[in-house]
C-alpha atoms as a PDB file:
ATOM      1  CA  MET A   1      -4.762   5.504  -4.972  1.00  0.00           C
ATOM      2  CA  LEU A   2      -7.935   6.410  -5.993  1.00  0.00           C
ATOM      3  CA  LYS A   3      -8.051   6.202  -9.759  1.00  0.00           C
ATOM      4  CA  SER A   4      -8.186   9.012 -12.113  1.00  0.00           C
ATOM      5  CA  HIS A   5     -10.717   9.293 -15.029  1.00  0.00           C
ATOM      6  CA  VAL A   6     -10.821  11.046 -18.410  1.00  0.00           C
ATOM      7  CA  ASP A   7     -13.104  13.794 -18.635  1.00  0.00           C
ATOM      8  CA  ILE A   8     -15.297  14.773 -21.499  1.00  0.00           C
ATOM      9  CA  ALA A   9     -12.982  16.779 -23.332  1.00  0.00           C
ATOM     10  CA  GLY A  10     -10.412  13.750 -23.201  1.00  0.00           C
ATOM     11  CA  ARG A  11      -8.299  15.229 -20.839  1.00  0.00           C
ATOM     12  CA  VAL A  12      -7.129  13.163 -17.998  1.00  0.00           C
ATOM     13  CA  GLU A  13      -8.601  14.209 -14.227  1.00  0.00           C
ATOM     14  CA  LYS A  14      -6.764  13.390 -10.807  1.00  0.00           C
ATOM     15  CA  SER A  15      -8.482  12.190  -8.596  1.00  0.00           C
ATOM     16  CA  PRO A  16      -8.933  13.954  -4.907  1.00  0.00           C
ATOM     17  CA  ASN A  17      -6.310  11.616  -3.573  1.00  0.00           C
ATOM     18  CA  GLN A  18      -3.761  11.904  -6.342  1.00  0.00           C
ATOM     19  CA  ARG A  19      -3.927  15.623  -6.095  1.00  0.00           C
ATOM     20  CA  ILE A  20      -3.280  15.519  -2.554  1.00  0.00           C
ATOM     21  CA  TYR A  21      -0.062  13.968  -3.608  1.00  0.00           C
ATOM     22  CA  GLU A  22       0.796  16.492  -5.844  1.00  0.00           C
ATOM     23  CA  LEU A  23       1.239  19.112  -2.652  1.00  0.00           C
ATOM     24  CA  ASP A  24       4.805  19.968  -2.520  1.00  0.00           C
ATOM     25  CA  ASP A  25       4.646  20.357   1.620  1.00  0.00           C
ATOM     26  CA  LEU A  26       3.747  16.312   1.394  1.00  0.00           C
ATOM     27  CA  VAL A  27       6.153  15.684  -1.109  1.00  0.00           C
ATOM     28  CA  ARG A  28       8.928  17.724   1.183  1.00  0.00           C
ATOM     29  CA  SER A  29       8.082  15.383   4.028  1.00  0.00           C
ATOM     30  CA  TYR A  30       8.109  11.696   2.186  1.00  0.00           C
ATOM     31  CA  ILE A  31      11.709  13.023   0.437  1.00  0.00           C
ATOM     32  CA  ALA A  32      13.118  13.280   3.843  1.00  0.00           C
ATOM     33  CA  GLN A  33      11.695   9.702   5.085  1.00  0.00           C
ATOM     34  CA  GLU A  34      14.209   6.603   4.339  1.00  0.00           C
ATOM     35  CA  LYS A  35      13.680   4.103   7.425  1.00  0.00           C
ATOM     36  CA  LEU A  36      12.252   0.824   6.612  1.00  0.00           C
ATOM     37  CA  GLN A  37       8.856  -0.210   9.222  1.00  0.00           C
ATOM     38  CA  PRO A  38      10.114  -3.545  11.067  1.00  0.00           C
ATOM     39  CA  PRO A  39       7.919  -6.135   8.388  1.00  0.00           C
ATOM     40  CA  GLU A  40       9.646  -3.954   5.581  1.00  0.00           C
ATOM     41  CA  GLU A  41      12.950  -4.811   7.395  1.00  0.00           C
ATOM     42  CA  ALA A  42      11.369  -8.686   7.797  1.00  0.00           C
ATOM     43  CA  ILE A  43      10.425  -8.465   4.168  1.00  0.00           C
ATOM     44  CA  LEU A  44      14.126  -7.547   2.895  1.00  0.00           C
ATOM     45  CA  SER A  45      15.835 -10.248   4.733  1.00  0.00           C
ATOM     46  CA  THR A  46      13.561 -12.768   3.613  1.00  0.00           C
ATOM     47  CA  LEU A  47      14.258 -12.147   0.045  1.00  0.00           C
ATOM     48  CA  LYS A  48      17.631 -10.735   0.213  1.00  0.00           C
ATOM     49  CA  PRO A  49      19.172 -14.359  -1.344  1.00  0.00           C
ATOM     50  CA  GLU A  50      17.341 -13.748  -4.130  1.00  0.00           C
ATOM     51  CA  LEU A  51      17.513 -10.061  -4.449  1.00  0.00           C
ATOM     52  CA  SER A  52      20.482  -9.488  -6.694  1.00  0.00           C
ATOM     53  CA  ALA A  53      19.015 -11.526  -9.487  1.00  0.00           C
ATOM     54  CA  MET A  54      15.491  -9.715  -9.049  1.00  0.00           C
ATOM     55  CA  ARG A  55      13.947  -7.518 -11.353  1.00  0.00           C
ATOM     56  CA  MET A  56      11.749  -4.985  -8.892  1.00  0.00           C
ATOM     57  CA  LEU A  57       8.860  -2.756  -9.394  1.00  0.00           C
ATOM     58  CA  ASP A  58       8.642  -0.184  -6.295  1.00  0.00           C
ATOM     59  CA  LEU A  59       4.884   1.178  -6.931  1.00  0.00           C
ATOM     60  CA  GLY A  60       3.482   4.381  -5.062  1.00  0.00           C
ATOM     61  CA  VAL A  61       7.396   5.189  -4.403  1.00  0.00           C
ATOM     62  CA  GLY A  62       6.155   8.547  -2.697  1.00  0.00           C
ATOM     63  CA  GLY A  63       9.659  10.477  -2.162  1.00  0.00           C
ATOM     64  CA  GLY A  64      12.104   6.926  -2.197  1.00  0.00           C
ATOM     65  CA  ARG A  65      11.726   5.826   1.265  1.00  0.00           C
ATOM     66  CA  THR A  66      12.185   2.051   0.215  1.00  0.00           C
ATOM     67  CA  THR A  67      14.386   2.913  -2.756  1.00  0.00           C
ATOM     68  CA  VAL A  68      17.041   3.554  -0.199  1.00  0.00           C
ATOM     69  CA  HIS A  69      17.552  -0.041   0.911  1.00  0.00           C
ATOM     70  CA  PHE A  70      16.457  -2.132  -1.812  1.00  0.00           C
ATOM     71  CA  ALA A  71      17.411  -0.084  -5.175  1.00  0.00           C
ATOM     72  CA  PRO A  72      20.891  -1.201  -4.603  1.00  0.00           C
ATOM     73  CA  LEU A  73      20.497  -4.931  -3.936  1.00  0.00           C
ATOM     74  CA  VAL A  74      18.345  -5.744  -6.797  1.00  0.00           C
ATOM     75  CA  ASN A  75      19.507  -6.349 -10.934  1.00  0.00           C
ATOM     76  CA  ASP A  76      17.261  -4.139 -12.088  1.00  0.00           C
ATOM     77  CA  TYR A  77      14.641  -1.349 -10.158  1.00  0.00           C
ATOM     78  CA  VAL A  78      11.973   0.760 -11.577  1.00  0.00           C
ATOM     79  CA  GLY A  79       9.966   3.203  -8.894  1.00  0.00           C
ATOM     80  CA  VAL A  80       6.614   4.288 -10.099  1.00  0.00           C
ATOM     81  CA  ASP A  81       3.828   6.457  -8.342  1.00  0.00           C
ATOM     82  CA  TYR A  82       1.220   8.566 -10.261  1.00  0.00           C
ATOM     83  CA  SER A  83       2.137  11.715  -8.726  1.00  0.00           C
ATOM     84  CA  GLU A  84       4.162  13.605 -10.972  1.00  0.00           C
ATOM     85  CA  LYS A  85       6.273  15.495  -8.588  1.00  0.00           C
ATOM     86  CA  MET A  86       6.961  12.176  -6.142  1.00  0.00           C
ATOM     87  CA  VAL A  87       8.796  11.051  -9.290  1.00  0.00           C
ATOM     88  CA  ALA A  88      10.338  13.968 -10.105  1.00  0.00           C
ATOM     89  CA  ALA A  89      11.529  14.318  -6.421  1.00  0.00           C
ATOM     90  CA  CYS A  90      13.074  10.682  -6.828  1.00  0.00           C
ATOM     91  CA  GLN A  91      14.841  11.099 -10.175  1.00  0.00           C
ATOM     92  CA  SER A  92      16.373  14.398  -8.334  1.00  0.00           C
ATOM     93  CA  ARG A  93      17.078  12.837  -4.873  1.00  0.00           C
ATOM     94  CA  PHE A  94      18.800   9.397  -6.620  1.00  0.00           C
ATOM     95  CA  ARG A  95      20.397  10.828 -10.159  1.00  0.00           C
ATOM     96  CA  SER A  96      24.304  10.478  -9.087  1.00  0.00           C
ATOM     97  CA  SER A  97      23.818   7.412  -6.668  1.00  0.00           C
ATOM     98  CA  LEU A  98      21.691   5.020  -8.469  1.00  0.00           C
ATOM     99  CA  HIS A  99      22.836   3.838 -11.713  1.00  0.00           C
ATOM    100  CA  LYS A 100      20.316   0.322 -12.486  1.00  0.00           C
ATOM    101  CA  SER A 101      17.370   2.537 -11.183  1.00  0.00           C
ATOM    102  CA  SER A 102      14.840   4.410 -13.207  1.00  0.00           C
ATOM    103  CA  PHE A 103      11.589   6.252 -12.126  1.00  0.00           C
ATOM    104  CA  ARG A 104       8.406   6.658 -13.770  1.00  0.00           C
ATOM    105  CA  VAL A 105       4.458   7.898 -13.437  1.00  0.00           C
ATOM    106  CA  ALA A 106       2.481   4.958 -13.641  1.00  0.00           C
ATOM    107  CA  ASP A 107      -1.039   4.143 -12.156  1.00  0.00           C
ATOM    108  CA  ALA A 108      -0.770   0.860 -10.525  1.00  0.00           C
ATOM    109  CA  CYS A 109      -4.165  -0.146 -12.129  1.00  0.00           C
ATOM    110  CA  SER A 110      -3.161   0.045 -15.504  1.00  0.00           C
ATOM    111  CA  MET A 111       0.484  -0.640 -16.323  1.00  0.00           C
ATOM    112  CA  PRO A 112       0.456  -1.053 -20.035  1.00  0.00           C
ATOM    113  CA  GLU A 113       4.367   0.206 -20.301  1.00  0.00           C
ATOM    114  CA  PHE A 114       5.367  -3.521 -18.843  1.00  0.00           C
ATOM    115  CA  ALA A 115       5.054  -6.384 -20.884  1.00  0.00           C
ATOM    116  CA  ASP A 116       3.657  -9.566 -18.787  1.00  0.00           C
ATOM    117  CA  GLY A 117       6.311 -11.127 -16.272  1.00  0.00           C
ATOM    118  CA  SER A 118       8.792  -8.338 -16.459  1.00  0.00           C
ATOM    119  CA  PHE A 119       9.462  -8.166 -12.683  1.00  0.00           C
ATOM    120  CA  ASP A 120      10.273 -10.812 -10.345  1.00  0.00           C
ATOM    121  CA  PHE A 121       9.376  -8.478  -7.016  1.00  0.00           C
ATOM    122  CA  VAL A 122       6.765  -5.991  -6.976  1.00  0.00           C
ATOM    123  CA  LEU A 123       6.560  -3.862  -3.192  1.00  0.00           C
ATOM    124  CA  PHE A 124       3.550  -1.602  -2.636  1.00  0.00           C
ATOM    125  CA  SER A 125       4.492  -0.139   0.551  1.00  0.00           C
ATOM    126  CA  TYR A 126       2.723   2.434   2.966  1.00  0.00           C
ATOM    127  CA  ASN A 127      -0.843   1.034   2.726  1.00  0.00           C
ATOM    128  CA  GLY A 128      -0.667   2.087  -1.027  1.00  0.00           C
ATOM    129  CA  LEU A 129      -3.297  -0.176  -2.258  1.00  0.00           C
ATOM    130  CA  ASP A 130      -5.711   1.180   0.273  1.00  0.00           C
ATOM    131  CA  TYR A 131      -5.711   4.236  -1.429  1.00  0.00           C
ATOM    132  CA  VAL A 132      -6.718   2.974  -4.753  1.00  0.00           C
ATOM    133  CA  SER A 133     -10.793   2.933  -4.858  1.00  0.00           C
ATOM    134  CA  GLY A 134     -12.861   0.222  -4.120  1.00  0.00           C
ATOM    135  CA  GLU A 135     -13.741  -0.946  -7.251  1.00  0.00           C
ATOM    136  CA  MET A 136     -10.634  -0.638  -9.096  1.00  0.00           C
ATOM    137  CA  ARG A 137      -8.613  -2.295  -5.855  1.00  0.00           C
ATOM    138  CA  GLN A 138      -9.533  -5.894  -7.996  1.00  0.00           C
ATOM    139  CA  LYS A 139      -8.231  -4.397 -11.171  1.00  0.00           C
ATOM    140  CA  ALA A 140      -4.879  -3.183  -9.758  1.00  0.00           C
ATOM    141  CA  LEU A 141      -3.816  -6.601  -7.879  1.00  0.00           C
ATOM    142  CA  HIS A 142      -4.845  -8.154 -11.533  1.00  0.00           C
ATOM    143  CA  GLU A 143      -2.094  -5.920 -13.078  1.00  0.00           C
ATOM    144  CA  ILE A 144       0.377  -6.378 -10.510  1.00  0.00           C
ATOM    145  CA  ARG A 145      -0.010 -10.152 -10.971  1.00  0.00           C
ATOM    146  CA  ARG A 146       0.097  -9.390 -14.763  1.00  0.00           C
ATOM    147  CA  VAL A 147       3.445  -7.716 -14.587  1.00  0.00           C
ATOM    148  CA  LEU A 148       4.775 -10.160 -12.181  1.00  0.00           C
ATOM    149  CA  CYS A 149       6.594 -13.459 -13.466  1.00  0.00           C
ATOM    150  CA  PRO A 150       5.326 -16.797 -12.662  1.00  0.00           C
ATOM    151  CA  GLY A 151       6.829 -17.312  -8.892  1.00  0.00           C
ATOM    152  CA  GLY A 152       7.121 -13.590  -8.453  1.00  0.00           C
ATOM    153  CA  LYS A 153       6.691 -11.907  -5.344  1.00  0.00           C
ATOM    154  CA  PHE A 154       4.744  -9.076  -4.203  1.00  0.00           C
ATOM    155  CA  ALA A 155       4.870  -7.550  -0.593  1.00  0.00           C
ATOM    156  CA  PHE A 156       2.310  -5.149   0.115  1.00  0.00           C
ATOM    157  CA  SER A 157       0.552  -3.216   3.536  1.00  0.00           C
ATOM    158  CA  SER A 158      -3.001  -2.852   4.045  1.00  0.00           C
ATOM    159  CA  HIS A 159      -5.278  -1.163   6.763  1.00  0.00           C
ATOM    160  CA  ASN A 160      -7.159  -3.438   9.248  1.00  0.00           C
ATOM    161  CA  LEU A 161     -10.840  -3.062   9.662  1.00  0.00           C
ATOM    162  CA  ASN A 162     -10.498  -4.786  13.047  1.00  0.00           C
ATOM    163  CA  ALA A 163      -8.529  -1.938  14.299  1.00  0.00           C
ATOM    164  CA  LEU A 164     -10.557   0.627  12.720  1.00  0.00           C
ATOM    165  CA  ARG A 165     -13.491  -1.018  14.779  1.00  0.00           C
ATOM    166  CA  GLN A 166     -11.355  -1.419  17.828  1.00  0.00           C
ATOM    167  CA  ARG A 167     -10.489   3.006  17.351  1.00  0.00           C
ATOM    168  CA  LEU A 168     -14.389   3.590  17.470  1.00  0.00           C
ATOM    169  CA  LYS A 169     -14.528   1.970  20.672  1.00  0.00           C
ATOM    170  CA  LEU A 170     -14.646   4.568  23.487  1.00  0.00           C
ATOM    171  CA  ARG A 171     -12.054   3.619  26.439  1.00  0.00           C
ATOM    172  CA  LEU A 172     -13.031   5.213  29.450  1.00  0.00           C
ATOM    173  CA  TRP A 173     -10.155   3.837  31.475  1.00  0.00           C
ATOM    174  CA  GLN A 174      -7.852   5.904  28.855  1.00  0.00           C
ATOM    175  CA  HIS A 175      -5.561   8.761  30.449  1.00  0.00           C
ATOM    176  CA  PRO A 176      -7.716  11.744  30.226  1.00  0.00           C
ATOM    177  CA  LYS A 177      -5.688  13.465  27.438  1.00  0.00           C
ATOM    178  CA  ARG A 178      -5.740  10.295  25.697  1.00  0.00           C
ATOM    179  CA  PHE A 179      -9.474   9.947  26.316  1.00  0.00           C
ATOM    180  CA  ALA A 180     -10.047  13.763  24.936  1.00  0.00           C
ATOM    181  CA  ALA A 181      -8.010  13.132  21.766  1.00  0.00           C
ATOM    182  CA  GLN A 182      -9.907  10.039  20.939  1.00  0.00           C
ATOM    183  CA  LEU A 183     -13.229  11.715  21.530  1.00  0.00           C
ATOM    184  CA  ILE A 184     -12.288  14.725  19.295  1.00  0.00           C
ATOM    185  CA  TRP A 185     -10.872  11.997  16.587  1.00  0.00           C
ATOM    186  CA  LYS A 186     -14.098  10.018  17.015  1.00  0.00           C
ATOM    187  CA  THR A 187     -16.558  13.377  16.130  1.00  0.00           C
ATOM    188  CA  ARG A 188     -14.209  13.961  13.442  1.00  0.00           C
ATOM    189  CA  PHE A 189     -14.601  10.975  12.268  1.00  0.00           C
ATOM    190  CA  ARG A 190     -18.591  10.792  12.331  1.00  0.00           C
ATOM    191  CA  GLN A 191     -18.565  13.741  10.536  1.00  0.00           C
ATOM    192  CA  HIS A 192     -16.594  12.895   7.177  1.00  0.00           C
ATOM    193  CA  ASN A 193     -18.004   9.529   7.171  1.00  0.00           C
ATOM    194  CA  PRO A 194     -22.227   9.508   8.174  1.00  0.00           C
ATOM    195  CA  ILE A 195     -22.963   5.889   7.394  1.00  0.00           C
ATOM    196  CA  LEU A 196     -20.761   3.648   9.877  1.00  0.00           C
ATOM    197  CA  VAL A 197     -22.872   0.556   9.450  1.00  0.00           C
ATOM    198  CA  ASP A 198     -20.601  -0.582   6.904  1.00  0.00           C
ATOM    199  CA  ILE A 199     -17.941  -0.425   9.267  1.00  0.00           C
ATOM    200  CA  TRP A 200     -19.326  -3.165  11.583  1.00  0.00           C
ATOM    201  CA  ASN A 201     -21.300  -5.265   9.749  1.00  0.00           C
ATOM    202  CA  GLY A 202     -18.990  -6.068   6.482  1.00  0.00           C
ATOM    203  CA  GLU A 203     -15.684  -6.594   5.651  1.00  0.00           C
ATOM    204  CA  LYS A 204     -14.397  -4.117   3.433  1.00  0.00           C
ATOM    205  CA  VAL A 205     -15.083  -0.276   3.398  1.00  0.00           C
ATOM    206  CA  VAL A 206     -13.302   2.930   1.987  1.00  0.00           C
ATOM    207  CA  VAL A 207     -13.720   5.424   4.693  1.00  0.00           C
ATOM    208  CA  ASN A 208     -12.417   9.001   5.310  1.00  0.00           C
ATOM    209  CA  ASP A 209     -10.286   8.107   8.344  1.00  0.00           C
ATOM    210  CA  GLY A 210      -8.348  11.337   9.621  1.00  0.00           C
ATOM    211  CA  ALA A 211      -4.988  10.534   7.525  1.00  0.00           C
ATOM    212  CA  LEU A 212      -3.155  13.852   6.401  1.00  0.00           C
ATOM    213  CA  ASP A 213      -5.862  15.707   8.273  1.00  0.00           C
ATOM    214  CA  PHE A 214      -9.227  14.062   6.869  1.00  0.00           C
ATOM    215  CA  ARG A 215      -8.003  14.566   3.491  1.00  0.00           C
ATOM    216  CA  LEU A 216      -7.529  10.783   2.217  1.00  0.00           C
ATOM    217  CA  HIS A 217     -10.288   8.062   1.526  1.00  0.00           C
ATOM    218  CA  THR A 218      -8.761   5.051   2.708  1.00  0.00           C
ATOM    219  CA  TYR A 219      -9.816   1.357   2.151  1.00  0.00           C
ATOM    220  CA  TYR A 220      -9.780  -0.616   5.139  1.00  0.00           C
ATOM    221  CA  LEU A 221     -10.885  -4.696   4.998  1.00  0.00           C
ATOM    222  CA  THR A 222     -10.420  -7.719   7.644  1.00  0.00           C
ATOM    223  CA  PRO A 223      -7.270  -9.859   7.793  1.00  0.00           C
ATOM    224  CA  GLN A 224      -9.556 -12.712   5.938  1.00  0.00           C
ATOM    225  CA  ALA A 225     -11.123 -10.229   3.336  1.00  0.00           C
ATOM    226  CA  GLN A 226      -7.607  -9.360   2.122  1.00  0.00           C
ATOM    227  CA  MET A 227      -6.667 -13.264   1.667  1.00  0.00           C
ATOM    228  CA  ASN A 228      -9.523 -14.372  -0.148  1.00  0.00           C
ATOM    229  CA  ASP A 229      -8.754 -11.345  -2.632  1.00  0.00           C
ATOM    230  CA  LEU A 230      -5.052 -12.648  -2.676  1.00  0.00           C
ATOM    231  CA  ASN A 231      -6.397 -16.165  -3.439  1.00  0.00           C
ATOM    232  CA  GLU A 232      -9.032 -15.003  -6.135  1.00  0.00           C
ATOM    233  CA  THR A 233      -6.293 -12.688  -7.680  1.00  0.00           C
ATOM    234  CA  GLY A 234      -3.980 -15.747  -8.283  1.00  0.00           C
ATOM    235  CA  PHE A 235      -1.537 -15.228  -5.251  1.00  0.00           C
ATOM    236  CA  SER A 236      -0.380 -17.739  -3.291  1.00  0.00           C
ATOM    237  CA  ASP A 237       1.772 -19.146  -0.136  1.00  0.00           C
ATOM    238  CA  VAL A 238       0.754 -15.925   1.621  1.00  0.00           C
ATOM    239  CA  ARG A 239       2.426 -14.619   4.789  1.00  0.00           C
ATOM    240  CA  ALA A 240       1.568 -12.046   7.325  1.00  0.00           C
ATOM    241  CA  PHE A 241       3.679  -9.896   8.995  1.00  0.00           C
ATOM    242  CA  ASN A 242       3.066  -7.853  12.720  1.00  0.00           C
ATOM    243  CA  LEU A 243       3.443  -4.561  12.314  1.00  0.00           C
ATOM    244  CA  ALA A 244       5.299  -3.636  15.581  1.00  0.00           C
ATOM    245  CA  SER A 245       7.575  -6.310  15.562  1.00  0.00           C
ATOM    246  CA  GLY A 246       8.123  -7.715  11.797  1.00  0.00           C
ATOM    247  CA  LYS A 247       7.519 -11.032  13.122  1.00  0.00           C
ATOM    248  CA  ILE A 248       5.186 -13.835  10.837  1.00  0.00           C
ATOM    249  CA  ILE A 249       1.612 -14.051  12.041  1.00  0.00           C
ATOM    250  CA  SER A 250       1.715 -17.792  12.974  1.00  0.00           C
ATOM    251  CA  ASP A 251      -1.658 -18.858  12.075  1.00  0.00           C
ATOM    252  CA  GLY A 252      -5.290 -17.878  11.053  1.00  0.00           C
ATOM    253  CA  PRO A 253      -6.923 -17.339  14.156  1.00  0.00           C
ATOM    254  CA  SER A 254      -4.337 -15.265  15.259  1.00  0.00           C
ATOM    255  CA  LEU A 255      -4.156 -12.841  12.067  1.00  0.00           C
ATOM    256  CA  GLU A 256      -8.227 -13.211  12.064  1.00  0.00           C
ATOM    257  CA  LYS A 257      -8.004 -11.521  15.660  1.00  0.00           C
ATOM    258  CA  ASN A 258      -5.346  -8.909  14.881  1.00  0.00           C
ATOM    259  CA  LYS A 259      -6.262  -5.390  15.346  1.00  0.00           C
ATOM    260  CA  GLU A 260      -2.916  -3.539  14.353  1.00  0.00           C
ATOM    261  CA  ASP A 261      -3.521  -0.958  12.817  1.00  0.00           C
ATOM    262  CA  TRP A 262      -2.152  -2.661   9.341  1.00  0.00           C
ATOM    263  CA  ILE A 263      -0.823  -5.954   8.173  1.00  0.00           C
ATOM    264  CA  TYR A 264       1.892  -6.464   5.472  1.00  0.00           C
ATOM    265  CA  TYR A 265       1.592  -9.574   3.650  1.00  0.00           C
ATOM    266  CA  LEU A 266       4.347 -11.070   1.498  1.00  0.00           C
ATOM    267  CA  CYS A 267       2.811 -13.779  -1.415  1.00  0.00           C
ATOM    268  CA  SER A 268       3.497 -15.480  -4.652  1.00  0.00           C
ATOM    269  CA  ARG A 269       2.255 -15.194  -7.838  1.00  0.00           C
ATOM    270  CA  ILE A 270       0.279 -18.824  -8.637  1.00  0.00           C
ATOM    271  CA  THR A 271       2.627 -20.304 -12.114  1.00  0.00           C
ATOM    272  CA  HIS A 272      -1.093 -21.584 -13.895  1.00  0.00           C
ATOM    273  CA  GLY A 273      -4.144 -20.668 -14.030  1.00  0.00           C
ATOM    274  CA  LEU A 274      -5.606 -16.662 -14.042  1.00  0.00           C
ATOM    275  CA  ARG A 275      -4.463 -15.844 -17.475  1.00  0.00           C
END
């Protein structure tokens, strides 16, 4: 979620990414989804013994895909999104089925409506954190940490820069149709991203990777850079989950070499320091 800003007339101007998430066709697509990904199923299973006592904040709730699974199990559920149309769709979808749940418009970078330590569990699924602009990403992490109680859990997914680098390498041995599709994507990628040096030399980069027909700007970083950001922001006990299987990635070297499109993380807010 790229951060909105206030124009000279004092009006809140929506970012390019935010305007995309207000499109009716995208809202209809999101509202039809309800299946969890394997890492989300693993995280739900891991936290299930504690969920009944947890106050949960579901950031970037979209059309309520994760609501279906988590909201009935927690003590209190709040789903938020910076897309007004997504929030309205959720309010309509769950109006009669969930009594301890609410939905509201909010931005992950600034949530003054929630007091410090308001939640025991924050979920930011579907790589929502990667659509926060680069300069605001750390602010979002600090804000998430603020609304979590000490020891509270934070789960999210993020795009893997290793995977992007791998995708940019042409693989001549592929089936002709796959090779042609890859070549077309790579050509369009270069058109939308004329400067590629940061992809190969840096640990973090914002690119137009083709999501929603090249309409979104997406944040990519290496797994180690993500672990460093979490530690510096005040999160510990970080576990990473394999996208395809949902299994925990067992060690640091395996994580750093991982080339899946994105990785799920589960961590805890440290109970001291970083006020």
